[in-house]
Amino acid sequence: MELLLLHIVGQSTRFSLPSCLWFLAVSSNGNLICMLDQTPSLSTSFAAACCQEPPTSIKANRVPGSVTIASYNVHKCVGTDGRFDPQRVGDVIRELGADIIALQEVDERTGRRQGLLDLKSLRRETDLVSAHTPENLGSHGWHGNLILARKGVVQAVSLVRLPGLEPRGALIVDLEIEGVVLRVIAAHFGLLRRSRTKQASALLEATRSVLRPTILLGDLNEWRVHSRSSLLALLPHFGPIHTVLPSFPSRFPLLALDRILAKPPSLISSLEVHQTPLSRIASDHLPIKARLNLQGLRQLHLQPDYL
């Protein structure tokens, strides 16, 4: 039986430690068991968090008529071995088998901001194509953000400059896929908590008057959960906020920096971290992917409000 640290509850001590810990036990047959440890210490709680294998998926019943969406910070194609290898990143993207994928750090950070991937090869081998054409034809994305899709019709594209001390942006694409129009927002949030809070609020405002279902995904750089999370501004519209799967660092994932959130939250039927020998070395982040329940949206008769 494996023990996975789920979350912390209880009163704080003078060391800012909780008085009790909830653990999630996953048995060999897949059953979930919650256990309460009333008397943790710094050493035992830290060991529980760091020495056990983290959860890699949260799944509901498989829903027919769903599509796969993924997010992947490619770390400018530099792997954990220090090698610059765009082909290796492309191989991970092929492993994912996603219908839609948001990529971060696909361009050089400075200078000409040259694109780093072989998009022609990806299109030839996966049918994934870029959802927008940047003004700088040498680049792939907007502030390093790129959305690729293998099917669907692009209705509109918006480029958003996000507030904060660092230059950050979000790419918004309205994509009609299998009869449903989705708003897909790809973003890479800042390193400062105050900036992330402002960036979450800015994207919420950008979608407030839009009735169509929306996916927000990317490297949101937020490892905190519950009351200290900078993503709380997205509640109750986007979710699941507190359902987190560690994706960083890729060799030993401890922090859930990468997220896929939906409005409405019921749009997501499963979440998964993509862990393979290749993905653990190709970037310092692991990709994450989700299944989207488009059939459920059709049953709700949601009508997009084009703005």
C-alpha atoms as a PDB file:
ATOM      1  CA  MET A   1       0.000   0.000   0.000  1.00  0.00           C
ATOM      2  CA  GLU A   2       1.277   3.475  -0.891  1.00  0.00           C
ATOM      3  CA  LEU A   3       0.600   6.516   1.296  1.00  0.00           C
ATOM      4  CA  LEU A   4       0.173   9.845  -0.467  1.00  0.00           C
ATOM      5  CA  LEU A   5       0.023  13.172   1.377  1.00  0.00           C
ATOM      6  CA  LEU A   6      -3.329  14.690   0.375  1.00  0.00           C
ATOM      7  CA  HIS A   7      -3.637  17.927   2.313  1.00  0.00           C
ATOM      8  CA  ILE A   8      -3.144  19.520   5.704  1.00  0.00           C
ATOM      9  CA  VAL A   9      -5.874  20.592   8.134  1.00  0.00           C
ATOM     10  CA  GLY A  10      -6.022  21.597  11.806  1.00  0.00           C
ATOM     11  CA  GLN A  11      -4.684  24.287  14.100  1.00  0.00           C
ATOM     12  CA  SER A  12      -1.175  25.673  13.708  1.00  0.00           C
ATOM     13  CA  THR A  13       1.499  25.296  16.341  1.00  0.00           C
ATOM     14  CA  ARG A  14       4.250  27.807  17.025  1.00  0.00           C
ATOM     15  CA  PHE A  15       6.211  26.134  14.217  1.00  0.00           C
ATOM     16  CA  SER A  16       3.296  26.744  11.784  1.00  0.00           C
ATOM     17  CA  LEU A  17       2.696  23.000  11.689  1.00  0.00           C
ATOM     18  CA  PRO A  18      -0.791  21.473  11.716  1.00  0.00           C
ATOM     19  CA  SER A  19      -2.132  19.521  14.674  1.00  0.00           C
ATOM     20  CA  CYS A  20      -3.396  16.768  12.378  1.00  0.00           C
ATOM     21  CA  LEU A  21      -2.726  15.447   8.913  1.00  0.00           C
ATOM     22  CA  TRP A  22      -5.014  13.730   6.429  1.00  0.00           C
ATOM     23  CA  PHE A  23      -3.408  11.074   4.270  1.00  0.00           C
ATOM     24  CA  LEU A  24      -4.784   9.374   1.198  1.00  0.00           C
ATOM     25  CA  ALA A  25      -3.957   5.687   1.018  1.00  0.00           C
ATOM     26  CA  VAL A  26      -4.143   3.998  -2.359  1.00  0.00           C
ATOM     27  CA  SER A  27      -4.298   0.218  -2.123  1.00  0.00           C
ATOM     28  CA  SER A  28      -2.994  -2.136  -4.775  1.00  0.00           C
ATOM     29  CA  ASN A  29      -6.526  -2.710  -6.109  1.00  0.00           C
ATOM     30  CA  GLY A  30      -7.098   1.005  -6.584  1.00  0.00           C
ATOM     31  CA  ASN A  31      -9.338   1.642  -3.557  1.00  0.00           C
ATOM     32  CA  LEU A  32      -8.929   5.013  -1.818  1.00  0.00           C
ATOM     33  CA  ILE A  33      -8.692   5.136   1.977  1.00  0.00           C
ATOM     34  CA  CYS A  34      -8.463   8.314   4.106  1.00  0.00           C
ATOM     35  CA  MET A  35      -6.433   8.098   7.300  1.00  0.00           C
ATOM     36  CA  LEU A  36      -5.867  10.686  10.023  1.00  0.00           C
ATOM     37  CA  ASP A  37      -2.563  11.070  11.836  1.00  0.00           C
ATOM     38  CA  GLN A  38      -3.187  13.120  14.984  1.00  0.00           C
ATOM     39  CA  THR A  39       0.407  13.793  16.019  1.00  0.00           C
ATOM     40  CA  PRO A  40       2.692  14.671  13.139  1.00  0.00           C
ATOM     41  CA  SER A  41       6.138  16.120  13.601  1.00  0.00           C
ATOM     42  CA  LEU A  42       8.196  18.190  11.221  1.00  0.00           C
ATOM     43  CA  SER A  43      10.297  15.186  10.226  1.00  0.00           C
ATOM     44  CA  THR A  44       7.379  12.766   9.755  1.00  0.00           C
ATOM     45  CA  SER A  45       5.164  15.184   7.811  1.00  0.00           C
ATOM     46  CA  PHE A  46       8.012  16.269   5.553  1.00  0.00           C
ATOM     47  CA  ALA A  47       9.008  12.663   4.959  1.00  0.00           C
ATOM     48  CA  ALA A  48       5.432  11.758   4.085  1.00  0.00           C
ATOM     49  CA  ALA A  49       5.337  14.515   1.508  1.00  0.00           C
ATOM     50  CA  CYS A  50       8.713  13.877  -0.047  1.00  0.00           C
ATOM     51  CA  CYS A  51       9.369  10.156   0.212  1.00  0.00           C
ATOM     52  CA  GLN A  52       6.141   8.811  -1.249  1.00  0.00           C
ATOM     53  CA  GLU A  53       5.169   8.691  -4.892  1.00  0.00           C
ATOM     54  CA  PRO A  54       2.695  11.552  -5.647  1.00  0.00           C
ATOM     55  CA  PRO A  55      -0.702  10.986  -7.291  1.00  0.00           C
ATOM     56  CA  THR A  56      -0.642  11.099 -11.077  1.00  0.00           C
ATOM     57  CA  SER A  57      -4.304  11.029 -12.120  1.00  0.00           C
ATOM     58  CA  ILE A  58      -7.840  11.815 -11.072  1.00  0.00           C
ATOM     59  CA  LYS A  59     -10.372  10.072 -13.255  1.00  0.00           C
ATOM     60  CA  ALA A  60     -14.136   9.849 -13.526  1.00  0.00           C
ATOM     61  CA  ASN A  61     -16.061   7.477 -15.768  1.00  0.00           C
ATOM     62  CA  ARG A  62     -14.901   7.718 -19.365  1.00  0.00           C
ATOM     63  CA  VAL A  63     -17.316   9.896 -21.292  1.00  0.00           C
ATOM     64  CA  PRO A  64     -18.065   9.294 -24.986  1.00  0.00           C
ATOM     65  CA  GLY A  65     -17.687  12.297 -27.270  1.00  0.00           C
ATOM     66  CA  SER A  66     -14.794  13.760 -25.260  1.00  0.00           C
ATOM     67  CA  VAL A  67     -11.535  15.295 -26.454  1.00  0.00           C
ATOM     68  CA  THR A  68      -8.085  15.466 -24.875  1.00  0.00           C
ATOM     69  CA  ILE A  69      -6.460  18.788 -23.995  1.00  0.00           C
ATOM     70  CA  ALA A  70      -2.931  19.129 -22.604  1.00  0.00           C
ATOM     71  CA  SER A  71      -0.474  21.660 -21.233  1.00  0.00           C
ATOM     72  CA  TYR A  72       3.305  21.419 -21.366  1.00  0.00           C
ATOM     73  CA  ASN A  73       6.070  23.826 -20.350  1.00  0.00           C
ATOM     74  CA  VAL A  74       8.866  22.759 -22.687  1.00  0.00           C
ATOM     75  CA  HIS A  75      11.564  24.800 -20.867  1.00  0.00           C
ATOM     76  CA  LYS A  76      12.894  26.158 -24.155  1.00  0.00           C
ATOM     77  CA  CYS A  77      13.598  22.555 -25.187  1.00  0.00           C
ATOM     78  CA  VAL A  78      16.344  22.163 -22.577  1.00  0.00           C
ATOM     79  CA  GLY A  79      16.024  18.915 -20.664  1.00  0.00           C
ATOM     80  CA  THR A  80      16.981  17.940 -17.154  1.00  0.00           C
ATOM     81  CA  ASP A  81      20.251  16.635 -18.578  1.00  0.00           C
ATOM     82  CA  GLY A  82      21.115  20.152 -19.821  1.00  0.00           C
ATOM     83  CA  ARG A  83      20.721  19.231 -23.494  1.00  0.00           C
ATOM     84  CA  PHE A  84      18.868  21.426 -25.973  1.00  0.00           C
ATOM     85  CA  ASP A  85      16.793  18.893 -27.909  1.00  0.00           C
ATOM     86  CA  PRO A  86      13.629  20.079 -29.722  1.00  0.00           C
ATOM     87  CA  GLN A  87      13.177  16.625 -31.280  1.00  0.00           C
ATOM     88  CA  ARG A  88      12.869  15.081 -27.844  1.00  0.00           C
ATOM     89  CA  VAL A  89      10.182  17.611 -26.863  1.00  0.00           C
ATOM     90  CA  GLY A  90       8.352  16.852 -30.100  1.00  0.00           C
ATOM     91  CA  ASP A  91       8.422  13.157 -29.237  1.00  0.00           C
ATOM     92  CA  VAL A  92       6.758  13.894 -25.865  1.00  0.00           C
ATOM     93  CA  ILE A  93       4.065  15.924 -27.626  1.00  0.00           C
ATOM     94  CA  ARG A  94       3.441  12.931 -29.893  1.00  0.00           C
ATOM     95  CA  GLU A  95       3.202  10.682 -26.828  1.00  0.00           C
ATOM     96  CA  LEU A  96       0.438  12.859 -25.398  1.00  0.00           C
ATOM     97  CA  GLY A  97      -1.924  12.267 -28.328  1.00  0.00           C
ATOM     98  CA  ALA A  98      -3.815  15.473 -27.466  1.00  0.00           C
ATOM     99  CA  ASP A  99      -6.413  17.106 -29.697  1.00  0.00           C
ATOM    100  CA  ILE A 100      -5.504  20.531 -28.258  1.00  0.00           C
ATOM    101  CA  ILE A 101      -2.280  21.428 -26.479  1.00  0.00           C
ATOM    102  CA  ALA A 102      -1.002  24.626 -24.872  1.00  0.00           C
ATOM    103  CA  LEU A 103       2.779  24.979 -24.784  1.00  0.00           C
ATOM    104  CA  GLN A 104       4.865  27.402 -22.753  1.00  0.00           C
ATOM    105  CA  GLU A 105       8.425  28.669 -23.326  1.00  0.00           C
ATOM    106  CA  VAL A 106       8.401  27.768 -27.024  1.00  0.00           C
ATOM    107  CA  ASP A 107      10.452  30.847 -28.033  1.00  0.00           C
ATOM    108  CA  GLU A 108      13.786  32.294 -27.061  1.00  0.00           C
ATOM    109  CA  ARG A 109      13.360  34.706 -24.172  1.00  0.00           C
ATOM    110  CA  THR A 110      15.436  37.550 -25.609  1.00  0.00           C
ATOM    111  CA  GLY A 111      16.690  38.879 -28.922  1.00  0.00           C
ATOM    112  CA  ARG A 112      14.641  37.818 -31.942  1.00  0.00           C
ATOM    113  CA  ARG A 113      12.518  35.479 -29.788  1.00  0.00           C
ATOM    114  CA  GLN A 114      13.072  32.726 -32.309  1.00  0.00           C
ATOM    115  CA  GLY A 115      10.725  29.734 -32.193  1.00  0.00           C
ATOM    116  CA  LEU A 116      12.427  26.579 -30.963  1.00  0.00           C
ATOM    117  CA  LEU A 117      10.211  23.723 -32.194  1.00  0.00           C
ATOM    118  CA  ASP A 118       9.881  22.038 -35.573  1.00  0.00           C
ATOM    119  CA  LEU A 119       6.207  22.883 -36.160  1.00  0.00           C
ATOM    120  CA  LYS A 120       6.221  21.496 -39.686  1.00  0.00           C
ATOM    121  CA  SER A 121       7.331  18.102 -38.420  1.00  0.00           C
ATOM    122  CA  LEU A 122       4.693  18.169 -35.671  1.00  0.00           C
ATOM    123  CA  ARG A 123       1.995  18.981 -38.194  1.00  0.00           C
ATOM    124  CA  ARG A 124       3.141  16.206 -40.494  1.00  0.00           C
ATOM    125  CA  GLU A 125       3.280  13.576 -37.751  1.00  0.00           C
ATOM    126  CA  THR A 126       0.386  14.628 -35.447  1.00  0.00           C
ATOM    127  CA  ASP A 127      -1.887  16.937 -37.507  1.00  0.00           C
ATOM    128  CA  LEU A 128      -1.397  19.571 -34.794  1.00  0.00           C
ATOM    129  CA  VAL A 129      -1.319  23.096 -36.204  1.00  0.00           C
ATOM    130  CA  SER A 130      -0.873  26.507 -34.604  1.00  0.00           C
ATOM    131  CA  ALA A 131      -4.118  28.316 -33.803  1.00  0.00           C
ATOM    132  CA  HIS A 132      -2.617  31.746 -34.512  1.00  0.00           C
ATOM    133  CA  THR A 133       0.099  33.425 -36.566  1.00  0.00           C
ATOM    134  CA  PRO A 134       2.384  35.719 -34.537  1.00  0.00           C
ATOM    135  CA  GLU A 135       3.365  39.139 -35.857  1.00  0.00           C
ATOM    136  CA  ASN A 136       6.997  38.128 -35.502  1.00  0.00           C
ATOM    137  CA  LEU A 137       7.102  35.338 -38.071  1.00  0.00           C
ATOM    138  CA  GLY A 138      10.244  33.909 -36.508  1.00  0.00           C
ATOM    139  CA  SER A 139       8.417  33.237 -33.241  1.00  0.00           C
ATOM    140  CA  HIS A 140       5.950  30.486 -32.431  1.00  0.00           C
ATOM    141  CA  GLY A 141       3.862  32.090 -29.722  1.00  0.00           C
ATOM    142  CA  TRP A 142       2.826  35.098 -27.658  1.00  0.00           C
ATOM    143  CA  HIS A 143       5.109  35.595 -24.649  1.00  0.00           C
ATOM    144  CA  GLY A 144       6.144  31.995 -25.248  1.00  0.00           C
ATOM    145  CA  ASN A 145       2.553  30.657 -25.261  1.00  0.00           C
ATOM    146  CA  LEU A 146       1.409  28.512 -28.175  1.00  0.00           C
ATOM    147  CA  ILE A 147      -1.866  26.654 -28.798  1.00  0.00           C
ATOM    148  CA  LEU A 148      -1.857  23.719 -31.222  1.00  0.00           C
ATOM    149  CA  ALA A 149      -4.992  21.876 -32.360  1.00  0.00           C
ATOM    150  CA  ARG A 150      -5.484  18.865 -34.615  1.00  0.00           C
ATOM    151  CA  LYS A 151      -9.129  19.588 -35.413  1.00  0.00           C
ATOM    152  CA  GLY A 152     -11.625  22.396 -35.166  1.00  0.00           C
ATOM    153  CA  VAL A 153     -12.162  25.846 -36.660  1.00  0.00           C
ATOM    154  CA  VAL A 154     -10.587  28.967 -35.149  1.00  0.00           C
ATOM    155  CA  GLN A 155     -13.278  31.597 -34.598  1.00  0.00           C
ATOM    156  CA  ALA A 156     -11.170  34.345 -33.020  1.00  0.00           C
ATOM    157  CA  VAL A 157      -7.749  35.020 -31.450  1.00  0.00           C
ATOM    158  CA  SER A 158      -6.905  37.561 -28.728  1.00  0.00           C
ATOM    159  CA  LEU A 159      -3.546  38.486 -27.237  1.00  0.00           C
ATOM    160  CA  VAL A 160      -3.585  39.684 -23.633  1.00  0.00           C
ATOM    161  CA  ARG A 161      -0.760  41.411 -21.779  1.00  0.00           C
ATOM    162  CA  LEU A 162      -0.876  40.304 -18.177  1.00  0.00           C
ATOM    163  CA  PRO A 163      -0.125  42.666 -15.252  1.00  0.00           C
ATOM    164  CA  GLY A 164       2.924  42.139 -13.055  1.00  0.00           C
ATOM    165  CA  LEU A 165       6.615  42.954 -12.814  1.00  0.00           C
ATOM    166  CA  GLU A 166       7.646  40.361 -15.413  1.00  0.00           C
ATOM    167  CA  PRO A 167       6.567  40.508 -19.073  1.00  0.00           C
ATOM    168  CA  ARG A 168       3.805  37.901 -19.245  1.00  0.00           C
ATOM    169  CA  GLY A 169       0.924  37.263 -21.624  1.00  0.00           C
ATOM    170  CA  ALA A 170      -2.023  35.020 -22.366  1.00  0.00           C
ATOM    171  CA  LEU A 171      -3.218  33.660 -25.687  1.00  0.00           C
ATOM    172  CA  ILE A 172      -7.008  33.347 -26.076  1.00  0.00           C
ATOM    173  CA  VAL A 173      -8.456  31.269 -28.919  1.00  0.00           C
ATOM    174  CA  ASP A 174     -12.126  30.585 -29.639  1.00  0.00           C
ATOM    175  CA  LEU A 175     -12.173  27.162 -31.265  1.00  0.00           C
ATOM    176  CA  GLU A 176     -15.183  25.331 -32.673  1.00  0.00           C
ATOM    177  CA  ILE A 177     -14.668  21.611 -32.162  1.00  0.00           C
ATOM    178  CA  GLU A 178     -17.243  18.861 -32.693  1.00  0.00           C
ATOM    179  CA  GLY A 179     -20.075  21.362 -32.764  1.00  0.00           C
ATOM    180  CA  VAL A 180     -19.061  23.163 -29.543  1.00  0.00           C
ATOM    181  CA  VAL A 181     -17.250  26.502 -29.374  1.00  0.00           C
ATOM    182  CA  LEU A 182     -14.596  26.511 -26.652  1.00  0.00           C
ATOM    183  CA  ARG A 183     -12.616  29.461 -25.416  1.00  0.00           C
ATOM    184  CA  VAL A 184      -9.073  28.200 -24.752  1.00  0.00           C
ATOM    185  CA  ILE A 185      -6.794  30.439 -22.678  1.00  0.00           C
ATOM    186  CA  ALA A 186      -3.099  29.535 -22.582  1.00  0.00           C
ATOM    187  CA  ALA A 187      -1.073  31.387 -19.969  1.00  0.00           C
ATOM    188  CA  HIS A 188       2.208  31.384 -18.102  1.00  0.00           C
ATOM    189  CA  PHE A 189       1.839  33.209 -14.789  1.00  0.00           C
ATOM    190  CA  GLY A 190       4.594  35.102 -12.994  1.00  0.00           C
ATOM    191  CA  LEU A 191       6.901  34.046 -10.198  1.00  0.00           C
ATOM    192  CA  LEU A 192       5.531  36.554  -7.665  1.00  0.00           C
ATOM    193  CA  ARG A 193       2.338  35.707  -5.778  1.00  0.00           C
ATOM    194  CA  ARG A 194       1.020  39.270  -6.048  1.00  0.00           C
ATOM    195  CA  SER A 195       1.521  39.194  -9.819  1.00  0.00           C
ATOM    196  CA  ARG A 196      -0.242  35.828 -10.114  1.00  0.00           C
ATOM    197  CA  THR A 197      -3.245  37.168  -8.201  1.00  0.00           C
ATOM    198  CA  LYS A 198      -3.491  40.130 -10.585  1.00  0.00           C
ATOM    199  CA  GLN A 199      -3.054  37.873 -13.607  1.00  0.00           C
ATOM    200  CA  ALA A 200      -5.808  35.493 -12.476  1.00  0.00           C
ATOM    201  CA  SER A 201      -8.143  38.456 -11.930  1.00  0.00           C
ATOM    202  CA  ALA A 202      -7.299  39.879 -15.366  1.00  0.00           C
ATOM    203  CA  LEU A 203      -8.162  36.612 -17.116  1.00  0.00           C
ATOM    204  CA  LEU A 204     -11.358  36.239 -15.101  1.00  0.00           C
ATOM    205  CA  GLU A 205     -12.382  39.708 -16.247  1.00  0.00           C
ATOM    206  CA  ALA A 206     -11.573  38.766 -19.850  1.00  0.00           C
ATOM    207  CA  THR A 207     -14.057  35.876 -19.648  1.00  0.00           C
ATOM    208  CA  ARG A 208     -16.711  37.354 -17.341  1.00  0.00           C
ATOM    209  CA  SER A 209     -19.147  38.345 -20.103  1.00  0.00           C
ATOM    210  CA  VAL A 210     -18.480  35.276 -22.277  1.00  0.00           C
ATOM    211  CA  LEU A 211     -21.061  32.504 -21.991  1.00  0.00           C
ATOM    212  CA  ARG A 212     -19.200  29.864 -23.939  1.00  0.00           C
ATOM    213  CA  PRO A 213     -17.342  27.102 -22.058  1.00  0.00           C
ATOM    214  CA  THR A 214     -13.760  28.100 -21.277  1.00  0.00           C
ATOM    215  CA  ILE A 215     -10.529  26.241 -20.540  1.00  0.00           C
ATOM    216  CA  LEU A 216      -7.678  28.005 -18.724  1.00  0.00           C
ATOM    217  CA  LEU A 217      -4.436  26.064 -18.790  1.00  0.00           C
ATOM    218  CA  GLY A 218      -0.712  26.476 -18.576  1.00  0.00           C
ATOM    219  CA  ASP A 219       2.126  26.897 -16.120  1.00  0.00           C
ATOM    220  CA  LEU A 220       0.325  28.976 -13.476  1.00  0.00           C
ATOM    221  CA  ASN A 221       3.331  28.800 -11.123  1.00  0.00           C
ATOM    222  CA  GLU A 222       1.090  28.302  -8.074  1.00  0.00           C
ATOM    223  CA  TRP A 223       1.983  25.510  -5.666  1.00  0.00           C
ATOM    224  CA  ARG A 224      -0.154  26.728  -2.752  1.00  0.00           C
ATOM    225  CA  VAL A 225      -3.640  25.391  -2.180  1.00  0.00           C
ATOM    226  CA  HIS A 226      -6.657  26.591  -0.231  1.00  0.00           C
ATOM    227  CA  SER A 227      -6.542  29.995   1.469  1.00  0.00           C
ATOM    228  CA  ARG A 228      -3.093  31.098   0.283  1.00  0.00           C
ATOM    229  CA  SER A 229      -3.524  30.226  -3.389  1.00  0.00           C
ATOM    230  CA  SER A 230      -3.310  33.120  -5.837  1.00  0.00           C
ATOM    231  CA  LEU A 231      -5.885  31.302  -7.987  1.00  0.00           C
ATOM    232  CA  LEU A 232      -8.751  31.877  -5.546  1.00  0.00           C
ATOM    233  CA  ALA A 233      -9.869  34.846  -7.646  1.00  0.00           C
ATOM    234  CA  LEU A 234     -11.001  32.310 -10.253  1.00  0.00           C
ATOM    235  CA  LEU A 235     -13.569  30.768  -7.888  1.00  0.00           C
ATOM    236  CA  PRO A 236     -16.387  29.821  -8.220  1.00  0.00           C
ATOM    237  CA  HIS A 237     -16.249  30.176 -12.000  1.00  0.00           C
ATOM    238  CA  PHE A 238     -13.242  27.958 -12.781  1.00  0.00           C
ATOM    239  CA  GLY A 239     -12.351  24.595 -11.322  1.00  0.00           C
ATOM    240  CA  PRO A 240     -11.115  22.321 -10.048  1.00  0.00           C
ATOM    241  CA  ILE A 241      -8.872  24.806  -8.178  1.00  0.00           C
ATOM    242  CA  HIS A 242      -7.914  22.562  -5.258  1.00  0.00           C
ATOM    243  CA  THR A 243      -7.496  19.357  -7.285  1.00  0.00           C
ATOM    244  CA  VAL A 244      -3.765  19.403  -7.927  1.00  0.00           C
ATOM    245  CA  LEU A 245      -1.364  16.892  -9.432  1.00  0.00           C
ATOM    246  CA  PRO A 246       2.391  17.491  -8.983  1.00  0.00           C
ATOM    247  CA  SER A 247       4.194  18.138 -12.275  1.00  0.00           C
ATOM    248  CA  PHE A 248       7.435  19.887 -11.205  1.00  0.00           C
ATOM    249  CA  PRO A 249      10.287  19.070 -11.119  1.00  0.00           C
ATOM    250  CA  SER A 250       9.864  16.364 -13.709  1.00  0.00           C
ATOM    251  CA  ARG A 251      12.329  13.885 -12.200  1.00  0.00           C
ATOM    252  CA  PHE A 252      10.639  13.981  -8.792  1.00  0.00           C
ATOM    253  CA  PRO A 253       7.385  15.972  -9.044  1.00  0.00           C
ATOM    254  CA  LEU A 254       6.383  17.725  -5.827  1.00  0.00           C
ATOM    255  CA  LEU A 255       4.668  20.948  -6.936  1.00  0.00           C
ATOM    256  CA  ALA A 256       1.489  21.312  -9.005  1.00  0.00           C
ATOM    257  CA  LEU A 257       2.628  24.317 -11.028  1.00  0.00           C
ATOM    258  CA  ASP A 258       0.798  23.240 -14.190  1.00  0.00           C
ATOM    259  CA  ARG A 259      -3.004  23.383 -14.222  1.00  0.00           C
ATOM    260  CA  ILE A 260      -6.005  22.755 -16.438  1.00  0.00           C
ATOM    261  CA  LEU A 261      -9.132  24.569 -15.216  1.00  0.00           C
ATOM    262  CA  ALA A 262     -12.577  24.774 -16.777  1.00  0.00           C
ATOM    263  CA  LYS A 263     -15.681  26.931 -16.722  1.00  0.00           C
ATOM    264  CA  PRO A 264     -17.920  25.111 -15.934  1.00  0.00           C
ATOM    265  CA  PRO A 265     -15.729  22.738 -13.865  1.00  0.00           C
ATOM    266  CA  SER A 266     -17.893  19.788 -14.938  1.00  0.00           C
ATOM    267  CA  LEU A 267     -16.380  20.140 -18.418  1.00  0.00           C
ATOM    268  CA  ILE A 268     -13.342  18.190 -17.136  1.00  0.00           C
ATOM    269  CA  SER A 269     -13.952  14.455 -16.718  1.00  0.00           C
ATOM    270  CA  SER A 270     -10.366  13.428 -15.859  1.00  0.00           C
ATOM    271  CA  LEU A 271      -6.928  14.884 -15.129  1.00  0.00           C
ATOM    272  CA  GLU A 272      -3.586  13.155 -15.536  1.00  0.00           C
ATOM    273  CA  VAL A 273       0.139  13.843 -15.310  1.00  0.00           C
ATOM    274  CA  HIS A 274       1.994  12.352 -18.277  1.00  0.00           C
ATOM    275  CA  GLN A 275       4.955  10.477 -16.795  1.00  0.00           C
ATOM    276  CA  THR A 276       7.189   8.506 -19.132  1.00  0.00           C
ATOM    277  CA  PRO A 277      10.965   7.988 -19.226  1.00  0.00           C
ATOM    278  CA  LEU A 278      11.134  10.561 -22.029  1.00  0.00           C
ATOM    279  CA  SER A 279       8.929  13.204 -20.386  1.00  0.00           C
ATOM    280  CA  ARG A 280      11.000  13.034 -17.196  1.00  0.00           C
ATOM    281  CA  ILE A 281      14.105  14.152 -19.073  1.00  0.00           C
ATOM    282  CA  ALA A 282      12.837  16.315 -21.974  1.00  0.00           C
ATOM    283  CA  SER A 283      11.871  19.286 -19.756  1.00  0.00           C
ATOM    284  CA  ASP A 284      11.889  20.269 -16.094  1.00  0.00           C
ATOM    285  CA  HIS A 285       8.055  20.126 -16.174  1.00  0.00           C
ATOM    286  CA  LEU A 286       5.871  17.102 -16.831  1.00  0.00           C
ATOM    287  CA  PRO A 287       2.935  17.568 -19.217  1.00  0.00           C
ATOM    288  CA  ILE A 288      -0.595  17.355 -17.832  1.00  0.00           C
ATOM    289  CA  LYS A 289      -3.716  16.442 -19.775  1.00  0.00           C
ATOM    290  CA  ALA A 290      -7.470  16.331 -19.294  1.00  0.00           C
ATOM    291  CA  ARG A 291     -10.487  14.802 -20.952  1.00  0.00           C
ATOM    292  CA  LEU A 292     -13.244  17.282 -21.818  1.00  0.00           C
ATOM    293  CA  ASN A 293     -16.869  16.190 -21.719  1.00  0.00           C
ATOM    294  CA  LEU A 294     -18.265  17.913 -24.809  1.00  0.00           C
ATOM    295  CA  GLN A 295     -21.278  15.617 -24.863  1.00  0.00           C
ATOM    296  CA  GLY A 296     -22.372  17.020 -21.516  1.00  0.00           C
ATOM    297  CA  LEU A 297     -22.248  20.532 -22.932  1.00  0.00           C
ATOM    298  CA  ARG A 298     -24.458  19.551 -25.840  1.00  0.00           C
ATOM    299  CA  GLN A 299     -26.978  18.113 -23.417  1.00  0.00           C
ATOM    300  CA  LEU A 300     -27.050  21.412 -21.537  1.00  0.00           C
ATOM    301  CA  HIS A 301     -27.791  23.209 -24.830  1.00  0.00           C
ATOM    302  CA  LEU A 302     -25.193  25.873 -24.174  1.00  0.00           C
ATOM    303  CA  GLN A 303     -25.289  28.530 -26.860  1.00  0.00           C
ATOM    304  CA  PRO A 304     -22.075  30.527 -27.407  1.00  0.00           C
ATOM    305  CA  ASP A 305     -22.358  34.293 -27.176  1.00  0.00           C
ATOM    306  CA  TYR A 306     -19.912  35.624 -29.742  1.00  0.00           C
ATOM    307  CA  LEU A 307     -18.382  38.924 -28.683  1.00  0.00           C
END
